[in-house]
Amino acid sequence: MEASTISFSSPPPPRATPAELEAVSLRRLSENLERLLEPAFLDCADAEIALAAGKGGGAVGVHRCILAARSAFFLDHFASLPAPPAAGEKPRLELADLVPGGRHIGRDALVPVLGYLYTGRLKSPPQEATVCMDDACTHGACRPAIDFVVESMYAASGFQISELISLFQRRLSDFVTTALDEDVVPIIQVASTCELQDLLSQCVERVAVSTLDSRYLEKELPYDIYCKVKEIRQSAFGDESENAILDPEHEKRVRNILKALDSDDVDLVGLLLKESSVTLDDALAVHYAAAYCEPKVFAELLKLDSANVNLMNSSGYTPLHIACMRREPDIILSLVERGASVWERTLDGRDALTICKRLTREKDCNRKLEKYEEKSKAYLCIDILEQELKRKSFIFDPISIEESIATPLLVDNFHMRLINLENRVAFARIFFPSEAKLVMRIAQADSTEEFAGITNFSKLKEVDLNETPTMQNRRLRERLDALTKTVGLGRRYFPHCSDVLDKFLNEESTDLIFLETGTPEDQRVKRMRFSELKEDVRKAFTKDKAAVQAIASSASSSPRYEGRARQSKKSKPSL
């Protein structure tokens, strides 16, 4: 009997329909065309669109035949270009001159709009260009998201792409209802430039009922738009309007001071202050200068009068808040050095650092810098404020901390106090290295020379023949101060862990760290005790984390915080 053979084979895959094949082909063509806008294909392009210097400069390579075939705007523009002066030279189009508002368009917004002309598809924006640096932000209507759509609208309107104009107008309209008052201003500017009347009317209505300062609006808005806002405010509020002048003479003197600042004439400001009873605070001159003056002029202004650098305007903004909106690090630093508080919050609960972070794209701070490239102003602003917050948070009495760390017999012994601090910090680095490293960096202990601790006893006897006693004392004092600050920070943020280390250092020998020395029995005992100590520290660390979470939870639900949140719903801050 013949054995039967059974073959198992899968059925052939179904054939793709002509429509499906066409869709795949079009998708591949679209993807390949989109790649032509990448920097790697710049040499293949036959024209360049140059970005404005204020948007990073550089150029995007384009292909005239594609753009001319897809856009009547580019067809007419390329046809009117003069012949290049040299054979093979690429025409270079300056974006600032090419379209209205072109100086506002960055690469991240330009490439997707051009990509739409190349492919017929609008690519999703890069997340890093539309997300701010504030982790607590939902990123639904923060400034980077708004700026991206505003720049895209300038490009779409300039290139006369009607379908993208409609799309971006709807997105901007959604922002108007959810954004902060001051973030509506760039939407007004693009709506005015691109003649989007419906969007413009919506923005004017929103700004007119806001608490944005009239002087700020007068500076930032086109004159005809400002007049419309002013008219609506006067009709709605009458004599209670901010535009109602209670004392014409006082208002005149204030305006003269602000005009002098517009001219960078600080000497004239000084004369005006002497001739009248109006002060810098009365004129809110420091607020005004923080928004519009050059850093050198601002620094000179602060020398004129004992201005209150923490004075809030009618909308709850201090000069530091306004400097953060401008993101000018020199002005922020001048204010901080004069005692401006980084803790002050706006009516909606934002402090200076939060304001800076919500205006700054993630891309601007996280990207890798090229060689010799300077850090962005936004990065410097955030860095200055973070350092100041750390400095303010870690103020303490170094003498009391030194005495609490050292044993009674060692308080008056400078070298022994150093050794005790070195030992304590060394154990902290063993049990939680990441946290200890961060705290040492904040306290600048990592920039001072290590003294004789459990990690290096030999340094105690080292003598530098080129170092005078004065130099040595200064070096040791700097190390002592840095270590004291380090331990102080540890006590603030890890109190339970600090208690465990205190008890251990008072009761045990520091040679516990040398687990490989001594007899086998000594090593066994050391390992056992070291394991016990690690477990004690782990439990203490868990308690510290729980305490921090409890504090954060109670702060977010405090009546004061809730009161600010309710107040922010009633009125938004203004400049």
Protein backbone atom coordinates (compact mmCIF):
# COMPACT_ATOMS: atom_id res chain seq x y z
CA MET A 1 0.00 0.00 0.00
CA GLU A 2 1.46 3.29 -1.01
CA ALA A 3 2.00 5.85 1.73
CA SER A 4 0.07 8.98 1.09
CA THR A 5 1.82 12.29 1.32
CA ILE A 6 0.07 15.37 2.62
CA SER A 7 1.57 18.77 1.89
CA PHE A 8 0.72 21.78 3.99
CA SER A 9 1.05 25.11 2.21
CA SER A 10 -0.41 28.48 3.03
CA PRO A 11 -2.73 30.03 0.50
CA PRO A 12 -1.20 32.69 -1.71
CA PRO A 13 -1.61 36.23 -0.34
CA PRO A 14 -4.44 38.16 -1.86
CA ARG A 15 -3.49 40.38 -4.73
CA ALA A 16 -3.42 44.08 -4.07
CA THR A 17 -6.03 46.04 -5.91
CA PRO A 18 -4.94 48.72 -8.38
CA ALA A 19 -6.18 51.38 -5.94
CA GLU A 20 -4.04 49.93 -3.14
CA LEU A 21 -0.98 49.74 -5.40
CA GLU A 22 -1.50 53.33 -6.42
CA ALA A 23 -1.79 54.42 -2.77
CA VAL A 24 1.48 52.66 -1.90
CA SER A 25 3.24 54.24 -4.86
CA LEU A 26 1.98 57.70 -3.98
CA ARG A 27 3.06 57.27 -0.36
CA ARG A 28 6.56 56.24 -1.41
CA LEU A 29 6.77 59.14 -3.86
CA SER A 30 5.60 61.51 -1.16
CA GLU A 31 8.19 60.24 1.32
CA ASN A 32 10.99 60.52 -1.24
CA LEU A 33 10.00 64.07 -2.21
CA GLU A 34 9.85 65.07 1.44
CA ARG A 35 13.44 63.98 1.92
CA LEU A 36 14.55 66.62 -0.59
CA LEU A 37 14.03 69.27 2.11
CA GLU A 38 16.51 67.63 4.47
CA PRO A 39 19.89 69.38 4.94
CA ALA A 40 21.66 66.39 3.36
CA PHE A 41 20.07 67.27 0.01
CA LEU A 42 21.00 70.96 0.11
CA ASP A 43 23.58 70.50 -2.66
CA CYS A 44 20.91 68.99 -4.91
CA ALA A 45 18.67 72.06 -4.64
CA ASP A 46 18.68 74.79 -7.30
CA ALA A 47 17.55 77.62 -4.98
CA GLU A 48 17.72 78.57 -1.31
CA ILE A 49 15.30 80.25 1.09
CA ALA A 50 17.33 82.05 3.74
CA LEU A 51 15.96 82.40 7.28
CA ALA A 52 16.19 85.68 9.16
CA ALA A 53 19.13 86.06 11.53
CA GLY A 54 16.74 86.32 14.47
CA LYS A 55 15.40 82.84 13.68
CA GLY A 56 18.77 81.14 13.59
CA GLY A 57 19.86 82.07 10.08
CA GLY A 58 20.86 79.36 7.63
CA ALA A 59 18.94 78.31 4.54
CA VAL A 60 16.55 75.64 3.29
CA GLY A 61 17.33 74.21 -0.13
CA VAL A 62 14.36 74.12 -2.52
CA HIS A 63 13.68 73.02 -6.10
CA ARG A 64 12.13 75.65 -8.32
CA CYS A 65 10.46 73.23 -10.70
CA ILE A 66 8.52 71.53 -7.87
CA LEU A 67 7.47 74.74 -6.14
CA ALA A 68 6.54 76.45 -9.40
CA ALA A 69 4.41 73.49 -10.46
CA ARG A 70 2.60 73.35 -7.12
CA SER A 71 2.25 77.06 -6.27
CA ALA A 72 1.15 80.06 -8.35
CA PHE A 73 3.00 82.27 -5.85
CA PHE A 74 6.34 80.60 -6.52
CA LEU A 75 5.68 80.34 -10.26
CA ASP A 76 5.23 84.10 -10.50
CA HIS A 77 8.12 84.80 -8.16
CA PHE A 78 10.65 82.58 -9.90
CA ALA A 79 9.59 83.92 -13.32
CA SER A 80 10.38 87.46 -12.17
CA LEU A 81 13.81 86.66 -10.77
CA PRO A 82 16.75 88.16 -12.67
CA ALA A 83 19.33 85.82 -14.14
CA PRO A 84 22.05 84.85 -11.64
CA PRO A 85 25.26 86.88 -12.05
CA ALA A 86 27.44 83.76 -12.31
CA ALA A 87 26.78 80.48 -14.06
CA GLY A 88 25.67 77.75 -11.69
CA GLU A 89 24.94 80.17 -8.82
CA LYS A 90 21.75 79.42 -6.91
CA PRO A 91 19.11 82.11 -6.46
CA ARG A 92 18.84 83.00 -2.77
CA LEU A 93 15.49 84.21 -1.47
CA GLU A 94 15.51 86.16 1.80
CA LEU A 95 12.46 84.96 3.73
CA ALA A 96 12.20 88.28 5.58
CA ASP A 97 11.67 90.03 2.23
CA LEU A 98 9.79 87.22 0.49
CA VAL A 99 6.55 87.28 2.51
CA PRO A 100 4.94 89.57 5.13
CA GLY A 101 6.04 88.39 8.55
CA GLY A 102 8.85 86.38 7.03
CA ARG A 103 11.29 87.50 9.74
CA HIS A 104 9.18 85.59 12.27
CA ILE A 105 9.35 82.21 10.49
CA GLY A 106 11.77 79.58 11.79
CA ARG A 107 13.03 76.42 10.14
CA ASP A 108 10.73 74.14 12.16
CA ALA A 109 7.64 75.91 10.76
CA LEU A 110 8.95 76.59 7.24
CA VAL A 111 9.93 73.01 6.37
CA PRO A 112 6.48 71.45 7.05
CA VAL A 113 4.74 74.16 4.99
CA LEU A 114 7.16 73.64 2.09
CA GLY A 115 6.77 69.91 2.63
CA TYR A 116 3.04 70.28 2.02
CA LEU A 117 3.81 71.79 -1.40
CA TYR A 118 6.19 68.93 -2.15
CA THR A 119 4.00 66.05 -0.96
CA GLY A 120 0.41 67.23 -0.50
CA ARG A 121 0.59 66.13 3.13
CA LEU A 122 1.13 68.25 6.25
CA LYS A 123 3.69 66.64 8.48
CA SER A 124 3.13 66.67 12.24
CA PRO A 125 5.24 69.29 14.00
CA PRO A 126 8.35 68.11 15.85
CA GLN A 127 7.41 67.67 19.51
CA GLU A 128 10.57 69.29 20.81
CA ALA A 129 9.64 72.48 18.93
CA THR A 130 6.11 72.70 20.37
CA VAL A 131 6.73 71.59 23.97
CA CYS A 132 7.96 73.93 26.70
CA MET A 133 10.49 73.20 29.43
CA ASP A 134 7.94 73.14 32.25
CA ASP A 135 7.17 69.53 33.20
CA ALA A 136 3.99 70.64 34.96
CA CYS A 137 2.57 72.19 31.78
CA THR A 138 0.01 70.25 29.73
CA HIS A 139 1.48 71.85 26.57
CA GLY A 140 -1.99 72.44 25.18
CA ALA A 141 -1.58 76.19 24.81
CA CYS A 142 1.92 77.04 26.03
CA ARG A 143 3.93 79.60 24.10
CA PRO A 144 6.04 77.19 21.96
CA ALA A 145 2.85 75.53 20.64
CA ILE A 146 1.33 78.93 19.84
CA ASP A 147 4.52 80.26 18.24
CA PHE A 148 4.78 77.24 15.95
CA VAL A 149 1.27 77.73 14.55
CA VAL A 150 1.80 81.51 14.30
CA GLU A 151 4.98 80.99 12.26
CA SER A 152 3.25 78.38 10.11
CA MET A 153 0.44 80.85 9.43
CA TYR A 154 2.90 83.51 8.30
CA ALA A 155 4.37 80.99 5.85
CA ALA A 156 1.06 79.57 4.60
CA SER A 157 -0.44 83.03 4.12
CA GLY A 158 2.67 84.39 2.42
CA PHE A 159 2.82 81.44 0.04
CA GLN A 160 -0.94 81.73 -0.55
CA ILE A 161 -1.83 78.15 0.44
CA SER A 162 -5.54 78.58 1.15
CA GLU A 163 -6.21 75.17 2.68
CA LEU A 164 -3.40 75.60 5.22
CA ILE A 165 -4.56 79.12 6.04
CA SER A 166 -7.99 77.74 7.01
CA LEU A 167 -6.43 74.95 9.07
CA PHE A 168 -4.04 77.22 11.01
CA GLN A 169 -6.74 79.83 11.56
CA ARG A 170 -8.92 77.25 13.31
CA ARG A 171 -6.01 76.22 15.51
CA LEU A 172 -5.21 79.81 16.45
CA SER A 173 -8.87 80.44 17.22
CA ASP A 174 -8.78 77.55 19.70
CA PHE A 175 -5.68 79.05 21.34
CA VAL A 176 -7.42 82.41 21.86
CA THR A 177 -9.91 80.85 24.26
CA THR A 178 -7.33 78.95 26.35
CA ALA A 179 -4.03 80.88 26.20
CA LEU A 180 -2.75 83.42 28.72
CA ASP A 181 -3.65 87.02 27.93
CA GLU A 182 -0.13 88.01 26.90
CA ASP A 183 0.13 84.98 24.61
CA VAL A 184 -2.82 86.28 22.55
CA VAL A 185 -0.71 89.26 21.42
CA PRO A 186 1.37 87.33 18.81
CA ILE A 187 -1.90 85.88 17.47
CA ILE A 188 -3.22 89.44 17.02
CA GLN A 189 -0.04 90.36 15.18
CA VAL A 190 -0.26 87.48 12.71
CA ALA A 191 -4.01 88.00 12.23
CA SER A 192 -3.40 91.65 11.42
CA THR A 193 -0.49 90.96 9.07
CA CYS A 194 -2.30 88.15 7.23
CA GLU A 195 -5.65 90.03 7.20
CA LEU A 196 -7.62 87.34 9.06
CA GLN A 197 -10.55 89.50 10.12
CA ASP A 198 -12.61 86.91 12.01
CA LEU A 199 -9.61 85.79 14.05
CA LEU A 200 -8.60 89.40 14.63
CA SER A 201 -12.04 90.33 15.96
CA GLN A 202 -11.98 87.38 18.35
CA CYS A 203 -8.53 88.39 19.65
CA VAL A 204 -9.50 92.04 20.12
CA GLU A 205 -12.55 91.06 22.17
CA ARG A 206 -10.43 88.79 24.36
CA VAL A 207 -7.70 91.37 24.98
CA ALA A 208 -10.15 94.22 25.57
CA VAL A 209 -11.70 92.47 28.59
CA SER A 210 -8.31 91.36 29.94
CA THR A 211 -6.16 93.21 32.46
CA LEU A 212 -3.25 93.68 30.08
CA ASP A 213 -1.66 97.07 30.70
CA SER A 214 -2.60 99.77 28.16
CA ARG A 215 1.01 100.94 27.77
CA TYR A 216 2.07 97.40 26.94
CA LEU A 217 -0.71 97.05 24.35
CA GLU A 218 0.15 100.43 22.86
CA LYS A 219 3.76 99.28 22.38
CA GLU A 220 2.99 95.79 21.06
CA LEU A 221 -0.10 96.19 18.85
CA PRO A 222 -0.58 97.99 15.54
CA TYR A 223 -1.98 101.44 16.26
CA ASP A 224 -5.39 100.81 14.68
CA ILE A 225 -5.81 97.59 16.67
CA TYR A 226 -4.83 99.32 19.90
CA CYS A 227 -7.43 102.03 19.22
CA LYS A 228 -10.13 99.36 18.82
CA VAL A 229 -9.13 97.78 22.15
CA LYS A 230 -9.12 101.19 23.84
CA GLU A 231 -12.55 102.03 22.41
CA ILE A 232 -14.08 98.76 23.64
CA ARG A 233 -12.62 99.28 27.12
CA GLN A 234 -13.94 102.80 27.38
CA SER A 235 -17.42 101.81 26.24
CA ALA A 236 -17.51 98.84 28.59
CA PHE A 237 -15.97 100.38 31.72
CA GLY A 238 -16.45 104.14 31.26
CA ASP A 239 -14.78 106.20 34.01
CA GLU A 240 -13.49 103.02 35.65
CA SER A 241 -11.44 102.19 32.57
CA GLU A 242 -7.68 102.14 32.91
CA ASN A 243 -7.59 104.73 30.13
CA ALA A 244 -9.42 107.28 32.31
CA ILE A 245 -6.81 109.81 33.43
CA LEU A 246 -7.38 110.89 37.04
CA ASP A 247 -4.46 113.34 37.23
CA PRO A 248 -3.37 114.67 33.81
CA GLU A 249 -0.25 116.34 35.21
CA HIS A 250 0.91 113.14 36.93
CA GLU A 251 0.24 111.15 33.75
CA LYS A 252 2.25 113.66 31.72
CA ARG A 253 5.27 113.33 34.01
CA VAL A 254 5.06 109.54 33.91
CA ARG A 255 4.95 109.59 30.11
CA ASN A 256 7.99 111.89 30.00
CA ILE A 257 9.95 109.40 32.12
CA LEU A 258 8.97 106.53 29.84
CA LYS A 259 9.84 108.55 26.72
CA ALA A 260 13.27 109.23 28.20
CA LEU A 261 13.70 105.48 28.68
CA ASP A 262 12.69 104.93 25.05
CA SER A 263 15.59 107.21 24.14
CA ASP A 264 17.97 105.36 26.53
CA ASP A 265 18.53 108.71 28.30
CA VAL A 266 18.95 107.75 31.95
CA ASP A 267 20.39 111.18 32.81
CA LEU A 268 17.16 112.78 31.63
CA VAL A 269 15.18 110.31 33.75
CA GLY A 270 17.21 111.47 36.75
CA LEU A 271 16.45 115.11 36.03
CA LEU A 272 12.73 114.39 35.66
CA LEU A 273 12.70 112.59 38.99
CA LYS A 274 14.34 115.54 40.72
CA GLU A 275 11.92 118.05 39.20
CA SER A 276 8.78 116.31 40.47
CA SER A 277 7.49 114.10 43.22
CA VAL A 278 7.01 111.19 40.80
CA THR A 279 9.24 108.20 41.63
CA LEU A 280 10.36 105.21 39.58
CA ASP A 281 7.77 103.16 41.43
CA ASP A 282 5.00 105.66 40.63
CA ALA A 283 5.83 105.41 36.93
CA LEU A 284 6.41 101.64 37.05
CA ALA A 285 9.60 102.59 35.25
CA VAL A 286 11.53 99.48 36.29
CA HIS A 287 8.74 97.32 34.84
CA TYR A 288 8.86 99.32 31.61
CA ALA A 289 12.65 99.20 31.36
CA ALA A 290 12.68 95.44 32.04
CA ALA A 291 10.47 95.02 28.99
CA TYR A 292 12.06 97.45 26.52
CA CYS A 293 15.44 98.88 27.57
CA GLU A 294 18.90 97.53 26.81
CA PRO A 295 20.60 95.74 29.74
CA LYS A 296 23.18 98.52 30.25
CA VAL A 297 20.46 101.17 30.35
CA PHE A 298 18.47 99.05 32.79
CA ALA A 299 21.47 98.66 35.11
CA GLU A 300 22.02 102.43 35.08
CA LEU A 301 18.34 103.03 35.86
CA LEU A 302 18.53 100.91 39.01
CA LYS A 303 21.28 103.20 40.34
CA LEU A 304 19.09 106.31 40.15
CA ASP A 305 16.54 105.71 42.86
CA SER A 306 15.71 103.27 45.61
CA ALA A 307 13.16 101.54 43.44
CA ASN A 308 11.30 98.54 44.81
CA VAL A 309 12.41 95.70 42.54
CA ASN A 310 9.65 93.49 43.97
CA LEU A 311 6.86 95.98 43.28
CA MET A 312 3.84 94.37 41.60
CA ASN A 313 1.84 96.20 38.96
CA SER A 314 -1.95 96.13 38.86
CA SER A 315 -1.89 92.65 37.35
CA GLY A 316 0.49 91.10 39.86
CA TYR A 317 3.69 91.17 37.79
CA THR A 318 7.05 92.19 39.26
CA PRO A 319 9.91 93.52 37.08
CA LEU A 320 11.50 90.07 37.30
CA HIS A 321 8.37 88.45 35.87
CA ILE A 322 8.47 90.86 32.93
CA ALA A 323 12.21 90.32 32.40
CA CYS A 324 11.51 86.58 32.26
CA MET A 325 8.86 87.15 29.60
CA ARG A 326 11.50 88.99 27.61
CA ARG A 327 14.09 86.30 28.40
CA GLU A 328 16.99 88.72 28.76
CA PRO A 329 19.57 87.11 31.10
CA ASP A 330 21.50 90.32 31.82
CA ILE A 331 18.39 92.09 33.09
CA ILE A 332 17.33 89.05 35.14
CA LEU A 333 20.79 88.95 36.71
CA SER A 334 20.69 92.69 37.49
CA LEU A 335 17.36 92.28 39.24
CA VAL A 336 18.48 89.23 41.21
CA GLU A 337 21.62 91.05 42.36
CA ARG A 338 19.44 93.95 43.54
CA GLY A 339 17.33 91.62 45.65
CA ALA A 340 14.47 90.69 43.33
CA SER A 341 12.62 87.72 44.78
CA VAL A 342 12.47 84.55 42.70
CA TRP A 343 9.65 83.28 44.92
CA GLU A 344 7.06 85.92 43.99
CA ARG A 345 4.15 84.51 41.98
CA THR A 346 1.71 85.97 39.48
CA LEU A 347 -2.02 85.86 40.12
CA ASP A 348 -2.26 82.52 38.35
CA GLY A 349 0.53 81.00 40.45
CA ARG A 350 3.57 81.23 38.15
CA ASP A 351 6.95 82.17 39.55
CA ALA A 352 9.83 83.60 37.51
CA LEU A 353 11.30 80.20 36.65
CA THR A 354 7.93 78.83 35.52
CA ILE A 355 7.41 81.87 33.27
CA CYS A 356 10.79 81.28 31.62
CA LYS A 357 10.25 77.57 31.20
CA ARG A 358 6.79 77.95 29.64
CA LEU A 359 8.20 80.37 27.07
CA THR A 360 11.15 78.15 26.19
CA ARG A 361 11.09 75.28 23.76
CA GLU A 362 12.50 71.99 24.94
CA LYS A 363 14.61 72.03 21.80
CA ASP A 364 16.37 75.28 22.74
CA CYS A 365 17.74 73.89 26.00
CA ASN A 366 18.29 70.21 25.27
CA ARG A 367 20.00 70.31 21.90
CA LYS A 368 23.72 69.63 21.71
CA LEU A 369 25.76 72.78 21.14
CA GLU A 370 28.30 72.96 18.36
CA LYS A 371 31.90 73.80 19.17
CA TYR A 372 32.29 77.45 20.25
CA GLU A 373 28.52 77.95 20.04
CA GLU A 374 27.11 80.06 22.85
CA LYS A 375 24.21 78.90 24.97
CA SER A 376 20.87 80.44 24.11
CA LYS A 377 19.51 83.35 26.15
CA ALA A 378 16.56 81.20 27.22
CA TYR A 379 18.96 78.56 28.61
CA LEU A 380 20.94 81.21 30.51
CA CYS A 381 17.77 82.70 32.00
CA ILE A 382 16.63 79.34 33.31
CA ASP A 383 20.10 78.58 34.65
CA ILE A 384 20.33 81.92 36.52
CA LEU A 385 16.93 81.43 38.13
CA GLU A 386 17.59 77.81 39.09
CA GLN A 387 20.88 78.76 40.72
CA GLU A 388 19.22 81.60 42.62
CA LEU A 389 16.41 79.30 43.79
CA LYS A 390 18.98 76.82 45.06
CA ARG A 391 20.94 79.55 46.80
CA LYS A 392 17.83 80.95 48.49
CA SER A 393 16.65 77.48 49.48
CA PHE A 394 19.88 76.52 51.16
CA ILE A 395 20.48 79.46 53.54
CA PHE A 396 21.37 78.15 57.00
CA ASP A 397 23.61 78.81 59.99
CA PRO A 398 26.93 77.06 59.24
CA ILE A 399 28.18 77.29 62.83
CA SER A 400 25.18 75.45 64.27
CA ILE A 401 25.49 72.77 61.61
CA GLU A 402 29.19 72.31 62.26
CA GLU A 403 28.53 71.93 65.97
CA SER A 404 25.75 69.43 65.38
CA ILE A 405 27.98 67.31 63.18
CA ALA A 406 31.19 67.25 65.17
CA THR A 407 31.46 65.48 68.50
CA PRO A 408 31.91 67.78 71.55
CA LEU A 409 35.62 67.03 71.84
CA LEU A 410 36.30 68.01 68.22
CA VAL A 411 34.36 71.25 67.85
CA ASP A 412 37.40 73.48 68.34
CA ASN A 413 39.75 71.40 66.25
CA PHE A 414 39.74 72.69 62.67
CA HIS A 415 41.45 69.71 61.07
CA MET A 416 39.43 67.13 62.93
CA ARG A 417 36.21 68.87 61.94
CA LEU A 418 37.35 68.62 58.32
CA ILE A 419 38.08 64.92 58.72
CA ASN A 420 34.70 64.33 60.34
CA LEU A 421 32.91 66.13 57.50
CA GLU A 422 34.90 64.25 54.84
CA ASN A 423 34.01 60.94 56.48
CA ARG A 424 30.35 61.80 56.68
CA VAL A 425 30.13 62.94 53.05
CA ALA A 426 32.06 59.88 51.92
CA PHE A 427 29.51 57.56 53.54
CA ALA A 428 26.68 59.54 51.95
CA ARG A 429 28.31 59.08 48.55
CA ILE A 430 28.45 55.34 49.12
CA PHE A 431 24.80 54.89 50.10
CA PHE A 432 23.16 57.31 47.63
CA PRO A 433 25.79 58.42 45.11
CA SER A 434 23.48 60.30 42.69
CA GLU A 435 21.87 62.44 45.37
CA ALA A 436 25.20 63.11 47.11
CA LYS A 437 26.83 64.09 43.83
CA LEU A 438 24.03 66.57 43.07
CA VAL A 439 24.18 68.10 46.56
CA MET A 440 27.98 68.42 46.40
CA ARG A 441 27.73 70.13 43.01
CA ILE A 442 25.15 72.63 44.32
CA ALA A 443 27.33 73.34 47.37
CA GLN A 444 30.39 73.54 45.06
CA ALA A 445 32.17 70.93 47.15
CA ASP A 446 33.23 69.12 43.98
CA SER A 447 35.31 72.18 43.00
CA THR A 448 37.38 72.20 46.22
CA GLU A 449 40.35 70.00 47.04
CA GLU A 450 39.58 66.95 49.18
CA PHE A 451 41.07 66.89 52.66
CA ALA A 452 42.07 63.83 54.73
CA GLY A 453 38.97 61.68 54.99
CA ILE A 454 38.31 57.99 54.87
CA THR A 455 39.06 58.02 51.14
CA ASN A 456 42.56 59.50 51.35
CA PHE A 457 44.38 59.80 54.69
CA SER A 458 47.69 60.58 53.04
CA LYS A 459 46.63 64.13 52.16
CA LEU A 460 46.71 65.12 55.84
CA LYS A 461 50.53 64.94 55.83
CA GLU A 462 51.05 66.37 52.35
CA VAL A 463 52.83 69.72 52.25
CA ASP A 464 52.94 71.99 49.20
CA LEU A 465 56.14 74.00 49.43
CA ASN A 466 54.69 76.64 47.08
CA GLU A 467 51.65 77.17 49.31
CA THR A 468 51.89 79.83 52.01
CA PRO A 469 50.07 79.36 55.34
CA THR A 470 47.55 81.99 54.25
CA MET A 471 46.87 80.13 51.01
CA GLN A 472 46.53 76.85 52.88
CA ASN A 473 44.09 78.32 55.41
CA ARG A 474 41.99 79.79 52.61
CA ARG A 475 41.94 76.44 50.79
CA LEU A 476 40.96 74.51 53.90
CA ARG A 477 38.31 77.07 54.86
CA GLU A 478 36.75 76.82 51.38
CA ARG A 479 36.66 73.04 51.72
CA LEU A 480 35.15 73.25 55.21
CA ASP A 481 32.48 75.69 54.04
CA ALA A 482 31.63 73.56 51.00
CA LEU A 483 31.35 70.37 53.05
CA THR A 484 29.28 72.15 55.69
CA LYS A 485 26.86 73.31 52.99
CA THR A 486 26.76 69.79 51.56
CA VAL A 487 25.81 68.28 54.90
CA GLY A 488 23.32 71.10 55.49
CA LEU A 489 21.58 70.31 52.21
CA GLY A 490 21.53 66.64 53.13
CA ARG A 491 19.88 67.46 56.45
CA ARG A 492 17.26 69.58 54.70
CA TYR A 493 16.22 66.99 52.13
CA PHE A 494 17.21 63.70 53.82
CA PRO A 495 16.66 64.27 57.55
CA HIS A 496 16.05 60.60 58.44
CA CYS A 497 19.13 59.47 56.50
CA SER A 498 21.16 62.19 58.22
CA ASP A 499 20.04 60.95 61.62
CA VAL A 500 21.18 57.41 60.76
CA LEU A 501 24.60 58.67 59.65
CA ASP A 502 24.94 60.88 62.74
CA LYS A 503 24.25 57.96 65.03
CA PHE A 504 26.61 55.70 63.14
CA LEU A 505 29.50 58.20 63.09
CA ASN A 506 29.11 58.85 66.82
CA GLU A 507 29.09 55.17 67.74
CA GLU A 508 31.15 53.33 65.13
CA SER A 509 34.66 53.47 63.74
CA THR A 510 35.01 54.86 60.20
CA ASP A 511 37.24 51.92 59.22
CA LEU A 512 34.01 50.00 58.59
CA ILE A 513 34.35 51.11 54.97
CA PHE A 514 37.54 49.05 54.57
CA LEU A 515 35.84 45.69 54.31
CA GLU A 516 38.88 43.85 52.95
CA THR A 517 41.22 44.63 55.86
CA GLY A 518 41.72 42.79 59.14
CA THR A 519 41.34 39.12 59.99
CA PRO A 520 38.66 36.99 58.30
CA GLU A 521 36.55 37.29 61.46
CA ASP A 522 36.95 41.09 61.44
CA GLN A 523 35.92 41.20 57.79
CA ARG A 524 32.84 39.05 58.50
CA VAL A 525 31.75 41.33 61.35
CA LYS A 526 32.38 44.42 59.24
CA ARG A 527 30.29 43.07 56.36
CA MET A 528 27.45 42.19 58.69
CA ARG A 529 27.47 45.63 60.30
CA PHE A 530 27.78 47.33 56.92
CA SER A 531 24.71 45.42 55.64
CA GLU A 532 22.77 46.51 58.71
CA LEU A 533 23.77 50.10 58.13
CA LYS A 534 22.70 49.91 54.47
CA GLU A 535 19.31 48.57 55.52
CA ASP A 536 18.90 51.36 58.10
CA VAL A 537 19.75 53.97 55.46
CA ARG A 538 17.35 52.38 52.94
CA LYS A 539 14.46 52.58 55.42
CA ALA A 540 15.36 56.16 56.31
CA PHE A 541 15.51 57.10 52.62
CA THR A 542 12.01 55.66 52.12
CA LYS A 543 10.74 57.85 54.98
CA ASP A 544 12.36 60.95 53.48
CA LYS A 545 10.76 60.32 50.09
CA ALA A 546 7.35 59.80 51.70
CA ALA A 547 7.73 63.07 53.62
CA VAL A 548 8.59 65.01 50.44
CA GLN A 549 5.57 63.55 48.62
CA ALA A 550 3.31 64.45 51.54
CA ILE A 551 4.56 68.05 51.55
CA ALA A 552 4.08 68.38 47.79
CA SER A 553 0.58 66.96 48.04
CA SER A 554 -0.45 69.29 50.88
CA ALA A 555 1.02 72.32 49.09
CA SER A 556 -0.96 71.66 45.92
CA SER A 557 -4.19 71.37 47.90
CA SER A 558 -3.60 74.27 50.30
CA PRO A 559 -6.27 77.00 50.61
CA ARG A 560 -3.71 79.59 49.52
CA TYR A 561 -2.99 77.72 46.31
CA GLU A 562 -6.68 77.12 45.65
CA GLY A 563 -7.39 80.79 46.30
CA ARG A 564 -4.85 81.79 43.69
CA ALA A 565 -6.31 79.31 41.23
CA ARG A 566 -9.80 80.75 41.76
CA GLN A 567 -8.47 84.27 41.44
CA SER A 568 -6.67 83.44 38.19
CA LYS A 569 -9.97 82.38 36.64
CA LYS A 570 -11.38 85.83 37.33
CA SER A 571 -8.48 87.85 36.00
CA LYS A 572 -5.36 87.17 33.99
CA PRO A 573 -2.04 88.97 34.55
CA SER A 574 -0.93 91.85 32.39
CA LEU A 575 2.30 93.61 31.77
